[in-house]
Amino acid sequence: MSEKLYLLDTSALLTLIQDEAGADRVEEILRREKTVIPWVVLLEVYYISLQEENEQIADQRLAMLKQVALSAQKRPPLPATWPARRPRPG
């Protein structure tokens, strides 16, 4: 592992999720380098997944990315910080 810190954006994570060109590089960075995934990126991936797919897929992707983010940071989960579902109206 190098001393570099990688900040992954929404595009990088969607590339990985959708197995597009460059997905191997994103996976390699996640496995070997110190990474940061901002919470707003998780929100964007959830929103895009919800719009393009459905709530179940959006929830699955968010759960997967939360595990990736936590394992990359090697911190215990913080459930209050990581809501798995968006609030329902009324």
Protein backbone atom coordinates (compact mmCIF):
# COMPACT_ATOMS: atom_id res chain seq x y z
CA MET A 1 0.00 0.00 0.00
CA SER A 2 1.35 3.39 -0.95
CA GLU A 3 1.06 6.63 1.02
CA LYS A 4 -1.46 8.00 -1.48
CA LEU A 5 -5.03 8.73 -0.47
CA TYR A 6 -7.71 8.21 -3.12
CA LEU A 7 -11.04 10.02 -3.03
CA LEU A 8 -13.60 8.04 -5.01
CA ASP A 9 -16.41 9.92 -6.69
CA THR A 10 -19.83 8.81 -7.92
CA SER A 11 -18.55 8.07 -11.41
CA ALA A 12 -15.86 5.72 -10.09
CA LEU A 13 -18.32 3.79 -7.94
CA LEU A 14 -20.90 3.48 -10.72
CA THR A 15 -18.12 2.28 -13.04
CA LEU A 16 -17.36 -0.47 -10.52
CA ILE A 17 -21.01 -1.37 -9.86
CA GLN A 18 -21.92 -1.50 -13.55
CA ASP A 19 -18.66 -3.27 -14.50
CA GLU A 20 -17.74 -0.64 -17.07
CA ALA A 21 -14.29 0.08 -18.52
CA GLY A 22 -12.06 1.02 -15.60
CA ALA A 23 -13.88 -1.13 -13.03
CA ASP A 24 -10.75 -3.23 -12.51
CA ARG A 25 -8.74 -0.13 -11.60
CA VAL A 26 -11.37 1.06 -9.11
CA GLU A 27 -11.44 -2.40 -7.52
CA GLU A 28 -7.64 -2.45 -7.33
CA ILE A 29 -7.61 0.94 -5.60
CA LEU A 30 -10.23 -0.22 -3.10
CA ARG A 31 -8.27 -3.38 -2.31
CA ARG A 32 -4.77 -1.92 -2.11
CA GLU A 33 -4.92 1.78 -1.34
CA LYS A 34 -6.25 4.04 1.37
CA THR A 35 -9.54 5.44 0.11
CA VAL A 36 -12.19 7.96 1.06
CA ILE A 37 -15.80 7.71 -0.07
CA PRO A 38 -17.69 10.88 0.92
CA TRP A 39 -21.21 10.37 2.24
CA VAL A 40 -22.58 12.60 -0.52
CA VAL A 41 -21.19 10.12 -3.08
CA LEU A 42 -23.13 7.32 -1.36
CA LEU A 43 -26.23 9.51 -1.54
CA GLU A 44 -25.69 10.18 -5.26
CA VAL A 45 -25.20 6.49 -6.05
CA TYR A 46 -28.39 5.70 -4.12
CA TYR A 47 -30.36 8.41 -5.91
CA ILE A 48 -29.12 7.44 -9.37
CA SER A 49 -29.82 3.76 -8.65
CA LEU A 50 -33.31 4.63 -7.42
CA GLN A 51 -34.04 6.66 -10.57
CA GLU A 52 -32.52 4.20 -13.08
CA GLU A 53 -33.39 0.91 -11.35
CA ASN A 54 -35.62 0.56 -8.28
CA GLU A 55 -35.59 0.91 -4.50
CA GLN A 56 -34.47 -2.67 -3.87
CA ILE A 57 -31.41 -2.30 -6.10
CA ALA A 58 -30.65 1.13 -4.63
CA ASP A 59 -30.80 -0.35 -1.11
CA GLN A 60 -28.55 -3.27 -2.12
CA ARG A 61 -25.99 -0.98 -3.71
CA LEU A 62 -25.95 1.33 -0.70
CA ALA A 63 -25.48 -1.62 1.68
CA MET A 64 -22.61 -2.93 -0.44
CA LEU A 65 -20.93 0.48 -0.65
CA LYS A 66 -21.26 1.01 3.09
CA GLN A 67 -19.37 -2.25 3.65
CA VAL A 68 -16.72 -1.20 1.13
CA ALA A 69 -16.36 2.21 2.77
CA LEU A 70 -16.12 0.73 6.25
CA SER A 71 -13.62 -1.95 5.30
CA ALA A 72 -11.51 0.65 3.49
CA GLN A 73 -11.48 2.83 6.59
CA LYS A 74 -11.24 -0.12 9.01
CA ARG A 75 -13.75 1.45 11.36
CA PRO A 76 -16.74 -0.13 13.09
CA PRO A 77 -20.15 0.67 11.56
CA LEU A 78 -22.06 3.72 12.73
CA PRO A 79 -25.73 2.83 12.10
CA ALA A 80 -27.10 6.27 12.96
CA THR A 81 -24.77 7.80 10.38
CA TRP A 82 -25.58 5.32 7.61
CA PRO A 83 -29.34 5.15 6.99
CA ALA A 84 -30.05 2.27 4.62
CA ARG A 85 -33.33 3.70 3.40
CA ARG A 86 -34.62 7.13 2.63
CA PRO A 87 -37.44 8.40 4.84
CA ARG A 88 -40.94 7.70 3.60
CA PRO A 89 -43.42 10.58 3.38
CA GLY A 90 -46.12 10.91 5.99
